[in-house]
Amino acid sequence: MQDSISQRVVQALTLELTGQERQRLTRRDTENLEAYRAYLLGWLHFNHRTADGLAKASAYFEKAAKLDPAYALAYSGLADADASV
């Protein structure tokens, strides 16, 4: 669905993109939907800005990283949560 939306935006703007630029627009950070869901839940709890919220955020970011070890955003979120404690 995200790919479809981004392609429609590109078409609406009538930009002429190279193949590499088109790839960058449709790139996903992870193909693992469970990892992505855990990452989003991590940010949900992170934004509560409480000790409990930050602990839950760390746990979700760690789960996302375990589900997809190549998911850089999960590690970034984990670092943010750990630095905010």
Protein backbone atom coordinates (compact mmCIF):
# COMPACT_ATOMS: atom_id res chain seq x y z
CA MET A 1 0.00 0.00 0.00
CA GLN A 2 2.84 2.40 0.83
CA ASP A 3 4.43 1.65 -2.53
CA SER A 4 1.18 2.41 -4.32
CA ILE A 5 0.74 5.71 -2.49
CA SER A 6 4.29 6.83 -3.18
CA GLN A 7 3.93 5.95 -6.86
CA ARG A 8 0.70 7.97 -7.09
CA VAL A 9 2.40 10.96 -5.48
CA VAL A 10 5.25 10.70 -7.95
CA GLN A 11 2.83 10.50 -10.87
CA ALA A 12 0.81 13.45 -9.56
CA LEU A 13 3.94 15.57 -9.35
CA THR A 14 4.91 14.46 -12.87
CA LEU A 15 8.53 14.13 -11.93
CA GLU A 16 10.90 12.25 -14.13
CA LEU A 17 12.89 10.02 -11.82
CA THR A 18 15.77 7.74 -12.53
CA GLY A 19 15.41 4.09 -11.63
CA GLN A 20 17.63 4.60 -8.59
CA GLU A 21 15.52 7.54 -7.37
CA ARG A 22 12.33 5.52 -7.84
CA GLN A 23 13.87 2.69 -5.79
CA ARG A 24 14.74 5.07 -2.96
CA LEU A 25 11.13 6.29 -2.80
CA THR A 26 9.75 2.78 -2.44
CA ARG A 27 12.49 1.41 -0.14
CA ARG A 28 11.33 -0.16 3.08
CA ASP A 29 13.44 -0.25 6.20
CA THR A 30 12.22 -3.76 7.00
CA GLU A 31 10.11 -6.37 5.27
CA ASN A 32 9.21 -7.91 8.63
CA LEU A 33 5.79 -6.54 9.62
CA GLU A 34 6.12 -7.76 13.21
CA ALA A 35 9.41 -5.88 13.55
CA TYR A 36 7.80 -2.77 12.10
CA ARG A 37 4.84 -3.10 14.49
CA ALA A 38 7.18 -3.47 17.48
CA TYR A 39 9.12 -0.41 16.29
CA LEU A 40 5.93 1.67 16.09
CA LEU A 41 4.83 0.50 19.54
CA GLY A 42 8.25 1.47 20.83
CA TRP A 43 7.70 5.05 19.67
CA LEU A 44 4.18 5.07 21.09
CA HIS A 45 5.55 4.28 24.55
CA PHE A 46 8.63 6.47 24.11
CA ASN A 47 6.43 9.51 23.56
CA HIS A 48 4.79 9.08 26.96
CA ARG A 49 8.10 10.33 28.43
CA THR A 50 7.67 8.39 31.66
CA ALA A 51 10.06 5.89 33.23
CA ASP A 52 7.57 3.10 32.52
CA GLY A 53 7.03 4.32 28.97
CA LEU A 54 10.76 4.41 28.27
CA ALA A 55 11.21 0.90 29.69
CA LYS A 56 8.42 -0.41 27.46
CA ALA A 57 9.85 1.50 24.49
CA SER A 58 13.25 -0.15 25.02
CA ALA A 59 11.61 -3.56 25.17
CA TYR A 60 9.71 -2.99 21.91
CA PHE A 61 12.76 -1.61 20.10
CA GLU A 62 14.78 -4.59 21.29
CA LYS A 63 12.04 -6.94 20.07
CA ALA A 64 12.06 -5.23 16.66
CA ALA A 65 15.84 -5.62 16.45
CA LYS A 66 15.62 -9.31 17.36
CA LEU A 67 12.91 -9.91 14.75
CA ASP A 68 15.01 -8.19 12.08
CA PRO A 69 18.68 -7.82 13.04
CA ALA A 70 19.27 -5.60 9.97
CA TYR A 71 16.56 -3.10 11.00
CA ALA A 72 18.69 -0.04 11.77
CA LEU A 73 15.77 2.10 12.95
CA ALA A 74 15.08 -0.38 15.75
CA TYR A 75 18.62 0.10 17.06
CA SER A 76 18.29 3.85 16.73
CA GLY A 77 15.07 3.82 18.74
CA LEU A 78 16.69 1.62 21.36
CA ALA A 79 19.57 4.06 21.68
CA ASP A 80 17.15 7.00 22.02
CA ALA A 81 15.14 5.23 24.71
CA ASP A 82 18.22 4.15 26.65
CA ALA A 83 19.72 7.65 26.47
CA SER A 84 16.48 9.17 27.80
CA VAL A 85 16.38 7.16 31.01
